[in-house]
Amino acid sequence: MNGIREYRRYRKRIAVISIILTLFFTSMVYMSLITGAYGLGPNLLIGGRIAHEILIGIRLPRVLSAIIVGSAIAIAGAVMQCVLRNPLASPYTLGVSQGAAFGASFAILVLGAGVVHRTGVGVTFLNPYVIPFYAFLGAVIDIIVVLGLARIRNMSPEAIVLAGVAMGAMFHALTMLLQYFAVNEVLVAASLFWMFGDVGRPYYPEITIMTVVVAVALACFVRRRWDYNSLLLGDDVAKSVGVEPSRVRLEGMILASLATSVCVSFTGIIGFVGLIAPHIIRITIGGDYRYLLPLSGLTGSAIVLAADLLGRTIISPAIIPVGIVTSFIGAPTLIYLLLRGEAGR
């Protein structure tokens, strides 16, 4: 009887948290659409031609990019934390984002897959498929090296994250090396700005690509939700219920790298979202991946939307890239987790 009451309280807590997150997410979407140098007012549907062009051509793509990128990185972080059994694992701390950024920079600066935008601030993609491919290749190389070292040296979960941090530093250095020796200085400046992370760069063709790839990855994650729960109980328990831990881990890391790399290739590096969002949900409702995955995605989208909104308004009309804002938020969070001893759990 006590167990039934506990379960009902647990389901009620999940419902309350879901409602709160949904309201916060909805408010961030609404505020992001109406806020800017040109105020659209409370009613988005009433306005002239200029207001509609701003809404459809500028604000909506930015909001859609933030939603897709935030959910993808957050859920990828939740999956990595499970399969690596380390709460500090995320696309950023494992070097996946930096590997993807190096691959995308290589495609832009060496292969000429991007050109300077007419405004001189961003990059227009000549081939929207080449850059994501090389970004994914860079992310996969990072994962292969990190998991290979873990397998050869039988590393602990803590050491795996440290290996990821080392790989991230190496890929960041390689990216700076490409920028240093690049011939086109204007393109280097544009790619450097792209490295900061900005959800305002993708337009509808790039958003479509991100949506398709991320949707496929998220569908596979949801299908594996019970497998992730079994991994939390240990490999022996997982094998006893018909789950192959090595296969689930490899599949999860590859799909998480794919979702992250596609987002990074179009928006740049947006760090720490994959670390913050899963922890917020894990602290409030626990580690059940039936609820952790969708609520982490919702939280990640809300965080990126809020960070982008803050970056656009805090020193308006200047815009702080969202990647810088999330780093300011994420770095203290990482320190807090280390002080709590989360790295050893």
Protein backbone atom coordinates (compact mmCIF):
# COMPACT_ATOMS: atom_id res chain seq x y z
CA MET A 1 0.00 0.00 0.00
CA ASN A 2 2.84 2.36 0.87
CA GLY A 3 4.44 1.51 -2.44
CA ILE A 4 1.31 2.52 -4.34
CA ARG A 5 1.16 5.86 -2.51
CA GLU A 6 4.83 6.49 -3.21
CA TYR A 7 4.32 5.74 -6.89
CA ARG A 8 1.34 8.10 -7.05
CA ARG A 9 3.36 10.86 -5.42
CA TYR A 10 6.17 10.20 -7.87
CA ARG A 11 3.81 10.44 -10.86
CA LYS A 12 2.30 13.61 -9.43
CA ARG A 13 5.75 15.15 -9.04
CA ILE A 14 6.54 14.29 -12.66
CA ALA A 15 3.29 15.90 -13.80
CA VAL A 16 4.00 19.08 -11.80
CA ILE A 17 7.57 19.36 -13.10
CA SER A 18 6.36 18.75 -16.66
CA ILE A 19 3.78 21.52 -16.39
CA ILE A 20 6.31 23.96 -14.92
CA LEU A 21 8.86 23.20 -17.64
CA THR A 22 6.23 23.47 -20.38
CA LEU A 23 5.08 26.87 -19.09
CA PHE A 24 8.68 28.10 -18.86
CA PHE A 25 9.47 26.78 -22.34
CA THR A 26 6.34 28.38 -23.81
CA SER A 27 7.11 31.72 -22.19
CA MET A 28 10.68 31.62 -23.57
CA VAL A 29 9.36 30.92 -27.08
CA TYR A 30 6.89 33.80 -26.84
CA MET A 31 9.45 36.25 -25.41
CA SER A 32 12.03 35.26 -28.03
CA LEU A 33 9.54 35.94 -30.82
CA ILE A 34 8.45 39.39 -29.63
CA THR A 35 11.77 40.67 -28.24
CA GLY A 36 14.27 42.49 -30.40
CA ALA A 37 15.30 45.81 -31.86
CA TYR A 38 11.93 45.85 -33.63
CA GLY A 39 9.25 45.08 -31.06
CA LEU A 40 6.42 42.96 -32.41
CA GLY A 41 4.03 43.55 -29.54
CA PRO A 42 1.91 41.03 -27.59
CA ASN A 43 -0.07 39.87 -30.62
CA LEU A 44 2.30 38.34 -33.14
CA LEU A 45 -0.33 37.93 -35.85
CA ILE A 46 -1.27 41.60 -36.02
CA GLY A 47 1.24 43.73 -37.84
CA GLY A 48 2.32 45.02 -41.19
CA ARG A 49 4.48 43.47 -43.86
CA ILE A 50 7.72 44.42 -42.08
CA ALA A 51 6.58 42.80 -38.84
CA HIS A 52 5.67 39.57 -40.63
CA GLU A 53 8.99 39.50 -42.48
CA ILE A 54 10.88 39.93 -39.22
CA LEU A 55 8.83 37.22 -37.54
CA ILE A 56 9.09 34.64 -40.34
CA GLY A 57 12.50 35.57 -41.69
CA ILE A 58 14.47 36.29 -38.52
CA ARG A 59 12.80 35.45 -35.22
CA LEU A 60 11.14 32.11 -36.06
CA PRO A 61 14.28 30.45 -37.55
CA ARG A 62 16.22 31.55 -34.49
CA VAL A 63 13.64 30.07 -32.12
CA LEU A 64 13.41 26.80 -34.07
CA SER A 65 17.20 26.45 -34.08
CA ALA A 66 17.36 27.02 -30.32
CA ILE A 67 14.66 24.40 -29.70
CA ILE A 68 16.31 21.76 -31.91
CA VAL A 69 19.86 22.37 -30.71
CA GLY A 70 18.92 22.60 -27.04
CA SER A 71 16.92 19.37 -27.05
CA ALA A 72 19.52 17.47 -29.09
CA ILE A 73 22.49 18.41 -26.92
CA ALA A 74 20.59 17.89 -23.65
CA ILE A 75 19.35 14.42 -24.59
CA ALA A 76 22.76 13.49 -26.00
CA GLY A 77 24.26 14.47 -22.65
CA ALA A 78 21.71 12.37 -20.75
CA VAL A 79 22.53 9.32 -22.89
CA MET A 80 26.29 9.80 -22.51
CA GLN A 81 25.97 10.08 -18.75
CA CYS A 82 24.15 6.74 -18.70
CA VAL A 83 26.31 4.69 -21.07
CA LEU A 84 29.57 6.00 -19.56
CA ARG A 85 28.23 5.86 -15.98
CA ASN A 86 29.52 9.36 -15.26
CA PRO A 87 27.27 12.34 -14.42
CA LEU A 88 29.91 14.73 -15.79
CA ALA A 89 29.77 13.27 -19.30
CA SER A 90 28.34 15.49 -22.04
CA PRO A 91 29.12 16.35 -25.67
CA TYR A 92 31.17 19.32 -24.46
CA THR A 93 33.17 17.68 -21.66
CA LEU A 94 33.94 14.62 -23.80
CA GLY A 95 35.30 16.74 -26.66
CA VAL A 96 32.55 15.73 -29.12
CA SER A 97 31.53 19.34 -29.75
CA GLN A 98 35.14 20.40 -30.26
CA GLY A 99 35.76 17.50 -32.65
CA ALA A 100 32.67 18.43 -34.63
CA ALA A 101 33.80 22.08 -34.69
CA PHE A 102 37.19 21.06 -36.07
CA GLY A 103 35.57 18.95 -38.79
CA ALA A 104 33.25 21.79 -39.77
CA SER A 105 36.11 24.31 -39.75
CA PHE A 106 38.16 21.99 -41.96
CA ALA A 107 35.29 21.80 -44.45
CA ILE A 108 34.86 25.59 -44.47
CA LEU A 109 38.47 26.79 -44.42
CA VAL A 110 40.24 24.01 -46.35
CA LEU A 111 37.60 22.49 -48.64
CA GLY A 112 35.80 25.78 -49.29
CA ALA A 113 32.37 24.47 -48.26
CA GLY A 114 31.33 27.91 -46.97
CA VAL A 115 31.56 31.49 -48.17
CA VAL A 116 31.33 34.78 -46.35
CA HIS A 117 27.77 36.00 -45.85
CA ARG A 118 26.78 39.26 -47.45
CA THR A 119 26.75 40.96 -44.06
CA GLY A 120 30.32 39.81 -43.44
CA VAL A 121 29.38 38.31 -40.08
CA GLY A 122 28.55 34.69 -40.81
CA VAL A 123 28.99 31.86 -43.27
CA THR A 124 26.71 30.78 -46.08
CA PHE A 125 26.95 27.06 -46.84
CA LEU A 126 27.63 26.16 -50.46
CA ASN A 127 26.77 22.54 -49.76
CA PRO A 128 24.71 21.97 -46.60
CA TYR A 129 25.66 18.26 -46.51
CA VAL A 130 29.47 18.52 -46.66
CA ILE A 131 29.92 20.47 -43.44
CA PRO A 132 27.72 18.19 -41.27
CA PHE A 133 29.51 15.15 -42.73
CA TYR A 134 32.94 16.44 -41.71
CA ALA A 135 31.59 17.62 -38.37
CA PHE A 136 30.27 14.10 -37.72
CA LEU A 137 33.60 12.66 -38.84
CA GLY A 138 35.44 14.85 -36.32
CA ALA A 139 33.02 13.85 -33.56
CA VAL A 140 33.38 10.15 -34.38
CA ILE A 141 37.18 10.39 -34.33
CA ASP A 142 36.95 11.91 -30.86
CA ILE A 143 34.64 9.14 -29.64
CA ILE A 144 36.77 6.38 -31.19
CA VAL A 145 39.90 7.69 -29.46
CA VAL A 146 38.21 8.19 -26.08
CA LEU A 147 36.43 4.82 -26.07
CA GLY A 148 39.52 3.11 -27.50
CA LEU A 149 41.67 4.44 -24.66
CA ALA A 150 39.01 3.41 -22.17
CA ARG A 151 38.93 -0.13 -23.56
CA ILE A 152 42.71 -0.56 -23.84
CA ARG A 153 43.57 0.91 -20.45
CA ASN A 154 40.35 -0.17 -18.69
CA MET A 155 39.75 3.42 -17.58
CA SER A 156 37.41 4.45 -14.83
CA PRO A 157 34.43 6.69 -15.71
CA GLU A 158 36.31 9.66 -14.25
CA ALA A 159 39.37 8.99 -16.44
CA ILE A 160 37.17 8.71 -19.55
CA VAL A 161 35.91 12.26 -18.98
CA LEU A 162 39.48 13.48 -18.47
CA ALA A 163 40.45 11.83 -21.77
CA GLY A 164 37.53 13.62 -23.40
CA VAL A 165 38.68 16.95 -21.98
CA ALA A 166 42.17 16.31 -23.38
CA MET A 167 40.75 15.45 -26.81
CA GLY A 168 38.59 18.57 -26.72
CA ALA A 169 41.65 20.71 -26.02
CA MET A 170 43.53 19.07 -28.88
CA PHE A 171 40.70 19.61 -31.38
CA HIS A 172 40.35 23.22 -30.22
CA ALA A 173 44.08 23.73 -30.86
CA LEU A 174 43.78 22.14 -34.32
CA THR A 175 40.88 24.46 -35.14
CA MET A 176 42.90 27.51 -34.13
CA LEU A 177 45.79 26.18 -36.24
CA LEU A 178 43.51 26.03 -39.30
CA GLN A 179 42.35 29.58 -38.66
CA TYR A 180 45.93 30.80 -38.19
CA PHE A 181 47.15 29.47 -41.53
CA ALA A 182 43.96 30.13 -43.53
CA VAL A 183 44.40 32.41 -46.54
CA ASN A 184 41.05 34.20 -46.49
CA GLU A 185 41.19 36.50 -43.46
CA VAL A 186 37.55 37.53 -43.75
CA LEU A 187 36.43 33.91 -43.78
CA VAL A 188 38.64 33.22 -40.75
CA ALA A 189 36.93 36.06 -38.88
CA ALA A 190 33.53 34.69 -39.85
CA SER A 191 34.44 31.14 -38.79
CA LEU A 192 35.86 32.44 -35.51
CA PHE A 193 32.55 34.13 -34.76
CA TRP A 194 30.82 30.87 -35.73
CA MET A 195 32.90 29.07 -33.07
CA PHE A 196 31.18 31.08 -30.34
CA GLY A 197 27.82 29.40 -30.96
CA ASP A 198 24.91 31.30 -32.45
CA VAL A 199 21.39 29.97 -33.11
CA GLY A 200 20.72 32.88 -35.46
CA ARG A 201 22.84 31.46 -38.29
CA PRO A 202 20.75 28.51 -39.59
CA TYR A 203 17.87 29.22 -41.95
CA TYR A 204 15.04 26.94 -43.01
CA PRO A 205 17.10 24.55 -45.25
CA GLU A 206 19.65 24.00 -42.45
CA ILE A 207 16.87 23.77 -39.86
CA THR A 208 15.23 21.03 -41.93
CA ILE A 209 18.45 19.01 -41.99
CA MET A 210 18.92 19.39 -38.24
CA THR A 211 15.30 18.44 -37.59
CA VAL A 212 15.47 15.23 -39.63
CA VAL A 213 18.77 14.01 -38.17
CA VAL A 214 17.93 14.94 -34.59
CA ALA A 215 14.43 13.39 -34.85
CA VAL A 216 15.90 10.05 -36.00
CA ALA A 217 18.46 10.07 -33.18
CA LEU A 218 15.88 10.99 -30.54
CA ALA A 219 13.51 8.26 -31.76
CA CYS A 220 16.30 5.70 -31.31
CA PHE A 221 17.05 7.05 -27.83
CA VAL A 222 13.42 6.76 -26.79
CA ARG A 223 13.25 3.22 -28.16
CA ARG A 224 16.23 2.34 -25.93
CA ARG A 225 14.83 3.98 -22.78
CA TRP A 226 14.31 0.66 -20.96
CA ASP A 227 17.81 -0.47 -21.96
CA TYR A 228 19.28 2.67 -20.40
CA ASN A 229 17.35 1.98 -17.20
CA SER A 230 18.78 -1.54 -17.10
CA LEU A 231 22.33 -0.20 -17.56
CA LEU A 232 21.88 1.90 -14.43
CA LEU A 233 21.52 -1.35 -12.45
CA GLY A 234 24.78 -2.78 -13.80
CA ASP A 235 25.90 -4.83 -16.80
CA ASP A 236 25.02 -8.14 -15.19
CA VAL A 237 21.42 -7.08 -14.59
CA ALA A 238 21.22 -5.67 -18.12
CA LYS A 239 22.43 -8.96 -19.62
CA SER A 240 19.95 -10.91 -17.52
CA VAL A 241 17.06 -9.07 -19.19
CA GLY A 242 18.43 -9.53 -22.71
CA VAL A 243 20.32 -6.24 -23.14
CA GLU A 244 23.80 -6.23 -24.68
CA PRO A 245 25.61 -3.40 -22.82
CA SER A 246 28.47 -2.93 -25.30
CA ARG A 247 26.09 -2.63 -28.23
CA VAL A 248 23.82 -0.17 -26.40
CA ARG A 249 26.81 1.94 -25.38
CA LEU A 250 28.30 2.06 -28.87
CA GLU A 251 24.96 2.86 -30.50
CA GLY A 252 24.20 5.53 -27.93
CA MET A 253 27.57 7.26 -28.32
CA ILE A 254 27.39 7.24 -32.14
CA LEU A 255 23.85 8.63 -32.24
CA ALA A 256 24.67 11.24 -29.59
CA SER A 257 27.71 12.27 -31.63
CA LEU A 258 25.62 12.45 -34.80
CA ALA A 259 22.96 14.70 -33.24
CA THR A 260 25.62 16.92 -31.64
CA SER A 261 27.80 17.23 -34.73
CA VAL A 262 24.93 18.26 -37.02
CA CYS A 263 23.91 20.98 -34.57
CA VAL A 264 27.49 22.18 -34.09
CA SER A 265 28.09 22.29 -37.85
CA PHE A 266 25.33 24.88 -38.29
CA THR A 267 25.34 26.79 -34.98
CA GLY A 268 28.83 26.42 -33.57
CA ILE A 269 29.75 25.21 -30.10
CA ILE A 270 27.08 25.65 -27.42
CA GLY A 271 28.64 24.23 -24.31
CA PHE A 272 27.39 22.78 -21.02
CA VAL A 273 23.71 22.41 -22.00
CA GLY A 274 24.21 18.65 -22.18
CA LEU A 275 25.55 18.77 -18.63
CA ILE A 276 23.08 21.15 -17.01
CA ALA A 277 19.72 19.98 -18.37
CA PRO A 278 19.94 16.25 -17.43
CA HIS A 279 21.09 17.15 -13.91
CA ILE A 280 18.16 19.49 -13.38
CA ILE A 281 15.76 16.68 -14.26
CA ARG A 282 17.69 14.00 -12.39
CA ILE A 283 17.64 16.09 -9.20
CA THR A 284 13.90 16.78 -9.44
CA ILE A 285 12.41 13.45 -10.63
CA GLY A 286 15.22 10.89 -10.51
CA GLY A 287 16.97 8.88 -13.20
CA ASP A 288 14.14 7.00 -14.92
CA TYR A 289 14.96 7.40 -18.62
CA ARG A 290 11.30 7.10 -19.62
CA TYR A 291 10.89 10.63 -18.25
CA LEU A 292 14.49 11.83 -18.10
CA LEU A 293 14.93 11.87 -21.90
CA PRO A 294 11.90 13.98 -22.93
CA LEU A 295 12.12 16.33 -19.95
CA SER A 296 15.87 16.84 -20.48
CA GLY A 297 15.13 17.78 -24.09
CA LEU A 298 12.46 20.25 -22.97
CA THR A 299 14.80 21.72 -20.37
CA GLY A 300 17.67 22.00 -22.85
CA SER A 301 15.48 23.87 -25.34
CA ALA A 302 14.28 26.26 -22.63
CA ILE A 303 17.86 26.89 -21.45
CA VAL A 304 19.12 27.72 -24.95
CA LEU A 305 16.09 29.95 -25.60
CA ALA A 306 16.64 31.78 -22.30
CA ALA A 307 20.39 32.13 -22.92
CA ASP A 308 19.80 33.47 -26.42
CA LEU A 309 17.18 35.90 -25.15
CA LEU A 310 19.57 37.11 -22.45
CA GLY A 311 22.38 37.50 -24.97
CA ARG A 312 20.18 39.58 -27.28
CA THR A 313 18.87 41.93 -24.59
CA ILE A 314 21.50 42.40 -21.88
CA ILE A 315 23.61 44.90 -23.90
CA SER A 316 21.19 45.55 -26.77
CA PRO A 317 21.63 46.38 -29.64
CA ALA A 318 24.83 44.32 -29.41
CA ILE A 319 24.29 40.54 -29.31
CA ILE A 320 26.26 38.12 -27.14
CA PRO A 321 26.43 34.68 -28.84
CA VAL A 322 24.47 32.03 -26.98
CA GLY A 323 27.54 29.80 -26.61
CA ILE A 324 29.20 32.43 -24.43
CA VAL A 325 26.12 32.79 -22.24
CA THR A 326 25.75 29.02 -21.70
CA SER A 327 29.44 28.80 -20.79
CA PHE A 328 28.95 31.45 -18.10
CA ILE A 329 26.08 29.33 -16.76
CA GLY A 330 27.71 25.94 -17.20
CA ALA A 331 31.14 26.57 -15.71
CA PRO A 332 29.81 27.33 -12.20
CA THR A 333 27.48 24.32 -12.51
CA LEU A 334 30.42 22.05 -13.26
CA ILE A 335 32.33 23.41 -10.27
CA TYR A 336 29.25 22.86 -8.09
CA LEU A 337 28.97 19.24 -9.20
CA LEU A 338 32.64 18.65 -8.48
CA LEU A 339 32.30 20.18 -5.00
CA ARG A 340 29.32 17.88 -4.34
CA GLY A 341 31.41 14.89 -5.36
CA GLU A 342 29.17 14.04 -8.33
CA ALA A 343 32.14 12.87 -10.39
CA GLY A 344 32.53 9.85 -8.22
CA ARG A 345 28.88 8.72 -8.31
